[in-house]
Amino acid sequence: MIATIKAFADQFFEETVRNRRHLHAHPELAFEEYETAAFIQAQLVDMEVVIEPGIAKTGLVVTLQGRRPGPTRALRADMDALPIVEQNLLPFTSTRPGKMHACGHDAHTASLITAIKILHSIREQLHGTVRFLFQPSEEKLPGGAKVMIEAGALAARTSGPAPTHIFGQHVAPELPTGTIGVRSGMYMASTEEIYLTVRGQGGHGAAPHLLTADAVLVASHIVVALQSVISRNSPPDSPSVLSFGRFIAEGATNVIPEVVQIEGTFRAMDEKWRFQAHDLIRRVAIQTAEAFGATCEVNVIIGYPCL
């Protein structure tokens, strides 16, 4: 059976590459994956599968019944792209400014389409049912998985019983081709989005002594303080990371802005420490701002738990 599956994988390889490049050139953001969903459905025309579109707005549930009795398993891929400007110069570079498949979801989707075709080709020997989940909005919290589950994507459906196991994958360019990385126990970190709004007093850059609080200076101290408090308080046997990717201070060379916005992400591998860290982030950011005579609004958006 494995040799047969590998043979079909070779047969569908070039098609998989074409599909991935098409998806890469036509990225869609979270819950906007209408064309992506339509493309997936077009690849499955005339196949003996049940296609249920519109799950969680743009998601798809595809069910394949094997000819032999057995359990139900699920395979999952995410479909959404990121709000990033692609700078690659390739024949399949994104055709949509400000949108890019920069996290491999084009490859995930193309691979799952091929998985359907391979398993459909061996359905006479297939035991049980396979449910294929094309998930929207992996990148935007609270995430399309939650919405799909609430819509019954993992429940018993007219197309088949509820799956007992679900499998997902993520591309990893650092691994040699043809290998996979697995481990037992905790594997994937939780994820939160951190939004900080620092408010001081705007004014002329040549006269900072006239300001009650320089929001840029205060925000800089907050970033450094948060990095320090997370690294000094996290459990030594449980990795975590706090990173800030946006620091927005819309002043000028000689203008100190009144407001600075900071955006970042916090990841942890321990649920208890995860929520302790949220409290630390709030307290340190607010108190650091107060020490300089400024204020800081903290918004922690809860995301995926540890897995």
Protein backbone atom coordinates (compact mmCIF):
# COMPACT_ATOMS: atom_id res chain seq x y z
CA MET A 1 0.00 0.00 0.00
CA ILE A 2 2.81 2.44 0.87
CA ALA A 3 4.48 1.80 -2.48
CA THR A 4 1.16 2.48 -4.23
CA ILE A 5 0.67 5.74 -2.35
CA LYS A 6 4.22 6.84 -3.21
CA ALA A 7 3.59 6.04 -6.86
CA PHE A 8 0.46 8.21 -6.89
CA ALA A 9 2.36 10.96 -5.07
CA ASP A 10 4.93 10.96 -7.87
CA GLN A 11 2.13 10.97 -10.42
CA PHE A 12 0.48 14.04 -8.86
CA PHE A 13 3.71 15.88 -8.02
CA GLU A 14 3.79 18.35 -10.92
CA GLU A 15 0.10 19.08 -10.47
CA THR A 16 0.69 19.78 -6.78
CA VAL A 17 3.44 22.25 -7.65
CA ARG A 18 1.16 24.00 -10.16
CA ASN A 19 -1.65 24.22 -7.62
CA ARG A 20 0.66 25.61 -4.96
CA ARG A 21 2.02 28.26 -7.32
CA HIS A 22 -1.49 29.25 -8.40
CA LEU A 23 -2.52 29.66 -4.77
CA HIS A 24 0.67 31.59 -4.02
CA ALA A 25 -0.05 34.02 -6.82
CA HIS A 26 -3.64 34.56 -5.64
CA PRO A 27 -3.49 34.98 -1.84
CA GLU A 28 -6.54 35.83 0.24
CA LEU A 29 -6.65 37.02 3.84
CA ALA A 30 -8.53 35.52 6.78
CA PHE A 31 -12.21 34.74 6.09
CA GLU A 32 -11.80 36.13 2.55
CA GLU A 33 -10.75 32.83 0.96
CA TYR A 34 -13.67 32.62 -1.49
CA GLU A 35 -11.57 32.15 -4.62
CA THR A 36 -9.33 29.69 -2.81
CA ALA A 37 -12.35 27.61 -1.77
CA ALA A 38 -13.71 27.72 -5.33
CA PHE A 39 -10.32 26.62 -6.68
CA ILE A 40 -10.27 23.66 -4.29
CA GLN A 41 -13.76 22.60 -5.34
CA ALA A 42 -12.79 22.82 -9.00
CA GLN A 43 -9.95 20.34 -8.39
CA LEU A 44 -12.40 17.78 -7.01
CA VAL A 45 -14.95 17.76 -9.82
CA ASP A 46 -16.16 14.28 -10.84
CA MET A 47 -14.63 12.66 -7.76
CA GLU A 48 -16.64 10.44 -5.42
CA VAL A 49 -16.44 12.81 -2.47
CA VAL A 50 -18.97 14.89 -0.55
CA ILE A 51 -18.09 18.59 -0.61
CA GLU A 52 -19.63 20.89 2.00
CA PRO A 53 -18.71 24.53 1.34
CA GLY A 54 -19.40 27.58 3.46
CA ILE A 55 -18.32 26.05 6.77
CA ALA A 56 -17.16 28.96 8.95
CA LYS A 57 -17.87 31.31 6.04
CA THR A 58 -15.18 30.16 3.59
CA GLY A 59 -14.12 26.77 4.95
CA LEU A 60 -14.69 23.41 3.30
CA VAL A 61 -15.42 19.94 4.64
CA VAL A 62 -14.71 17.19 2.12
CA THR A 63 -15.56 13.57 2.92
CA LEU A 64 -14.22 10.45 1.22
CA GLN A 65 -15.74 7.05 2.02
CA GLY A 66 -13.46 4.05 1.71
CA ARG A 67 -14.89 0.82 0.35
CA ARG A 68 -13.95 -1.10 3.47
CA PRO A 69 -15.21 -0.60 7.04
CA GLY A 70 -13.09 1.35 9.48
CA PRO A 71 -12.76 4.48 11.62
CA THR A 72 -13.02 8.11 10.56
CA ARG A 73 -9.86 10.18 10.42
CA ALA A 74 -9.47 13.86 9.55
CA LEU A 75 -6.75 15.74 7.68
CA ARG A 76 -6.54 19.52 7.92
CA ALA A 77 -4.94 22.41 6.02
CA ASP A 78 -5.17 26.18 6.44
CA MET A 79 -5.90 28.46 3.49
CA ASP A 80 -5.33 32.11 4.44
CA ALA A 81 -2.43 34.38 3.54
CA LEU A 82 -0.76 37.22 5.45
CA PRO A 83 -1.01 41.02 5.02
CA ILE A 84 2.56 41.27 3.72
CA VAL A 85 4.00 42.87 0.58
CA GLU A 86 5.85 40.18 -1.38
CA GLN A 87 9.21 41.29 -2.74
CA ASN A 88 10.16 38.09 -4.56
CA LEU A 89 10.59 38.25 -8.32
CA LEU A 90 9.14 34.91 -9.39
CA PRO A 91 6.71 33.81 -12.10
CA PHE A 92 4.19 33.05 -9.34
CA THR A 93 4.78 36.10 -7.11
CA SER A 94 1.64 37.44 -5.43
CA THR A 95 -0.56 39.37 -7.83
CA ARG A 96 -2.33 41.09 -4.94
CA PRO A 97 -0.45 43.99 -3.34
CA GLY A 98 -0.21 43.72 0.42
CA LYS A 99 -1.13 40.03 0.49
CA MET A 100 1.27 37.09 0.47
CA HIS A 101 1.42 33.40 1.29
CA ALA A 102 4.43 33.78 3.60
CA CYS A 103 3.61 30.97 6.03
CA GLY A 104 3.18 27.97 3.75
CA HIS A 105 -0.60 27.78 3.64
CA ASP A 106 -0.48 27.61 -0.15
CA ALA A 107 1.64 24.47 0.19
CA HIS A 108 -0.63 23.05 2.89
CA THR A 109 -3.73 23.52 0.75
CA ALA A 110 -2.12 22.13 -2.40
CA SER A 111 -0.85 19.12 -0.45
CA LEU A 112 -4.28 18.37 1.00
CA ILE A 113 -5.87 18.54 -2.45
CA THR A 114 -3.32 15.96 -3.58
CA ALA A 115 -3.97 13.83 -0.50
CA ILE A 116 -7.63 13.67 -1.50
CA LYS A 117 -6.70 12.58 -5.01
CA ILE A 118 -4.29 9.91 -3.79
CA LEU A 119 -6.74 8.44 -1.29
CA HIS A 120 -9.54 8.64 -3.84
CA SER A 121 -7.36 6.62 -6.20
CA ILE A 122 -7.03 3.82 -3.61
CA ARG A 123 -10.56 4.06 -2.20
CA GLU A 124 -11.26 0.40 -3.06
CA GLN A 125 -8.59 -0.61 -0.52
CA LEU A 126 -9.29 2.23 1.92
CA HIS A 127 -10.64 1.31 5.34
CA GLY A 128 -13.09 3.78 6.86
CA THR A 129 -13.73 7.44 6.13
CA VAL A 130 -11.43 10.41 5.69
CA ARG A 131 -12.67 13.93 6.39
CA PHE A 132 -10.63 16.74 4.85
CA LEU A 133 -10.82 20.14 6.51
CA PHE A 134 -9.84 23.28 4.62
CA GLN A 135 -9.66 25.89 7.37
CA PRO A 136 -9.96 29.65 6.90
CA SER A 137 -8.32 32.26 9.09
CA GLU A 138 -5.49 30.47 10.83
CA GLU A 139 -3.62 33.77 11.07
CA LYS A 140 -6.36 35.88 12.65
CA LEU A 141 -7.51 35.25 16.21
CA PRO A 142 -9.57 33.58 17.54
CA GLY A 143 -8.88 31.46 14.47
CA GLY A 144 -10.98 29.68 11.90
CA ALA A 145 -10.51 26.30 13.60
CA LYS A 146 -12.66 27.42 16.54
CA VAL A 147 -15.35 28.70 14.21
CA MET A 148 -15.29 25.49 12.14
CA ILE A 149 -15.60 23.34 15.26
CA GLU A 150 -18.54 25.45 16.43
CA ALA A 151 -20.09 24.88 12.99
CA GLY A 152 -19.82 21.11 13.47
CA ALA A 153 -16.79 20.36 11.33
CA LEU A 154 -15.60 17.69 13.79
CA ALA A 155 -19.05 16.36 14.69
CA ALA A 156 -21.01 13.53 13.11
CA ARG A 157 -22.46 14.73 9.81
CA THR A 158 -24.69 13.27 7.14
CA SER A 159 -21.51 12.70 5.16
CA GLY A 160 -20.01 10.50 7.86
CA PRO A 161 -19.33 9.90 11.57
CA ALA A 162 -17.19 12.15 13.73
CA PRO A 163 -13.44 11.63 13.33
CA THR A 164 -11.56 9.95 16.16
CA HIS A 165 -8.21 11.44 15.16
CA ILE A 166 -7.14 14.55 13.27
CA PHE A 167 -3.81 15.20 11.58
CA GLY A 168 -2.28 18.49 10.50
CA GLN A 169 1.07 19.48 9.08
CA HIS A 170 3.21 22.55 8.62
CA VAL A 171 5.97 22.98 6.08
CA ALA A 172 9.46 23.28 7.57
CA PRO A 173 12.14 24.35 5.07
CA GLU A 174 14.87 23.64 7.63
CA LEU A 175 14.14 19.89 7.48
CA PRO A 176 15.60 17.72 4.70
CA THR A 177 13.19 16.96 1.88
CA GLY A 178 11.24 13.78 2.53
CA THR A 179 11.46 13.93 6.32
CA ILE A 180 8.97 15.00 8.98
CA GLY A 181 9.49 16.32 12.49
CA VAL A 182 7.43 14.89 15.36
CA ARG A 183 7.69 14.68 19.13
CA SER A 184 5.59 13.47 22.04
CA GLY A 185 4.11 15.74 24.70
CA MET A 186 3.77 19.51 24.44
CA TYR A 187 4.67 20.55 20.91
CA MET A 188 3.05 23.82 19.86
CA ALA A 189 3.13 27.04 21.88
CA SER A 190 0.12 29.11 22.81
CA THR A 191 -0.21 32.43 21.06
CA GLU A 192 -1.51 35.83 22.11
CA GLU A 193 -1.58 39.19 20.37
CA ILE A 194 -0.35 42.12 22.48
CA TYR A 195 -1.51 45.68 21.76
CA LEU A 196 -0.15 48.60 23.78
CA THR A 197 -1.19 52.25 23.41
CA VAL A 198 1.13 54.71 25.16
CA ARG A 199 -0.15 58.25 25.68
CA GLY A 200 2.09 61.14 26.63
CA GLN A 201 2.26 64.74 25.49
CA GLY A 202 3.16 65.73 21.98
CA GLY A 203 5.41 68.63 21.22
CA HIS A 204 8.49 69.98 19.49
CA GLY A 205 11.54 67.74 19.36
CA ALA A 206 13.79 70.66 20.30
CA ALA A 207 11.94 71.25 23.56
CA PRO A 208 11.27 67.89 25.25
CA HIS A 209 11.68 69.59 28.65
CA LEU A 210 8.32 71.24 28.10
CA LEU A 211 6.52 67.90 27.83
CA THR A 212 4.99 66.03 30.75
CA ALA A 213 5.89 62.72 29.08
CA ASP A 214 7.63 61.77 25.83
CA ALA A 215 5.53 58.87 24.52
CA VAL A 216 8.34 57.56 22.29
CA LEU A 217 10.79 57.40 25.19
CA VAL A 218 8.19 55.83 27.47
CA ALA A 219 7.23 53.23 24.86
CA SER A 220 10.89 52.33 24.37
CA HIS A 221 11.31 51.75 28.10
CA ILE A 222 8.18 49.58 28.11
CA VAL A 223 9.56 47.34 25.35
CA VAL A 224 12.85 46.86 27.19
CA ALA A 225 11.12 46.33 30.55
CA LEU A 226 8.76 43.71 29.15
CA GLN A 227 11.59 41.79 27.51
CA SER A 228 13.42 41.78 30.82
CA VAL A 229 10.50 40.73 32.98
CA ILE A 230 9.50 37.86 30.69
CA SER A 231 13.04 36.48 30.44
CA ARG A 232 13.59 36.78 34.22
CA ASN A 233 10.27 35.21 35.25
CA SER A 234 9.61 32.43 32.75
CA PRO A 235 10.11 28.85 34.01
CA PRO A 236 13.57 27.57 32.99
CA ASP A 237 12.11 24.28 31.76
CA SER A 238 9.36 25.86 29.67
CA PRO A 239 10.32 28.15 26.78
CA SER A 240 8.38 31.31 26.04
CA VAL A 241 8.96 34.35 23.88
CA LEU A 242 7.67 37.91 23.67
CA SER A 243 8.35 39.79 20.44
CA PHE A 244 7.21 43.16 19.19
CA GLY A 245 6.86 43.63 15.45
CA ARG A 246 5.24 47.07 15.22
CA PHE A 247 6.21 50.33 16.90
CA ILE A 248 4.10 53.14 15.48
CA ALA A 249 5.05 56.71 16.40
CA GLU A 250 3.57 59.05 13.82
CA GLY A 251 5.62 62.13 14.57
CA ALA A 252 8.33 63.69 12.44
CA THR A 253 12.04 64.45 12.65
CA ASN A 254 11.26 67.37 14.93
CA VAL A 255 7.84 66.37 16.28
CA ILE A 256 7.28 64.11 19.29
CA PRO A 257 3.90 62.37 18.90
CA GLU A 258 1.32 62.19 21.65
CA VAL A 259 0.52 58.52 21.06
CA VAL A 260 2.69 55.48 20.33
CA GLN A 261 1.25 52.08 19.46
CA ILE A 262 3.14 48.84 20.03
CA GLU A 263 2.05 45.45 18.70
CA GLY A 264 3.54 42.05 19.37
CA THR A 265 3.03 38.40 20.16
CA PHE A 266 3.56 36.24 23.23
CA ARG A 267 4.11 32.47 22.98
CA ALA A 268 4.34 29.98 25.84
CA MET A 269 4.51 26.23 26.40
CA ASP A 270 2.93 26.20 29.87
CA GLU A 271 -0.70 27.19 30.47
CA LYS A 272 -0.17 28.35 34.07
CA TRP A 273 2.79 30.56 33.17
CA ARG A 274 0.95 31.77 30.09
CA PHE A 275 -1.72 33.57 32.10
CA GLN A 276 0.72 34.70 34.78
CA ALA A 277 2.69 36.37 32.00
CA HIS A 278 -0.42 38.20 30.80
CA ASP A 279 -0.76 39.80 34.23
CA LEU A 280 2.94 40.70 34.27
CA ILE A 281 2.72 42.31 30.85
CA ARG A 282 -0.24 44.44 31.92
CA ARG A 283 1.28 45.47 35.24
CA VAL A 284 4.77 46.27 33.97
CA ALA A 285 3.54 48.22 30.94
CA ILE A 286 1.09 50.31 32.97
CA GLN A 287 3.47 50.98 35.85
CA THR A 288 6.41 51.82 33.58
CA ALA A 289 4.28 54.40 31.80
CA GLU A 290 3.07 55.84 35.10
CA ALA A 291 6.66 56.20 36.32
CA PHE A 292 7.28 58.59 33.42
CA GLY A 293 4.01 60.46 33.82
CA ALA A 294 2.33 58.74 30.88
CA THR A 295 -0.43 56.15 30.52
CA CYS A 296 -0.52 52.80 28.77
CA GLU A 297 -3.57 50.87 27.63
CA VAL A 298 -2.93 47.11 27.39
CA ASN A 299 -5.00 44.74 25.29
CA VAL A 300 -4.08 41.05 25.39
CA ILE A 301 -6.08 39.08 22.83
CA ILE A 302 -6.25 35.44 23.88
CA GLY A 303 -5.35 33.03 21.11
CA TYR A 304 -4.65 29.35 20.70
CA PRO A 305 -3.80 27.27 23.79
CA CYS A 306 -0.72 25.09 24.10
CA LEU A 307 -0.88 21.80 22.21
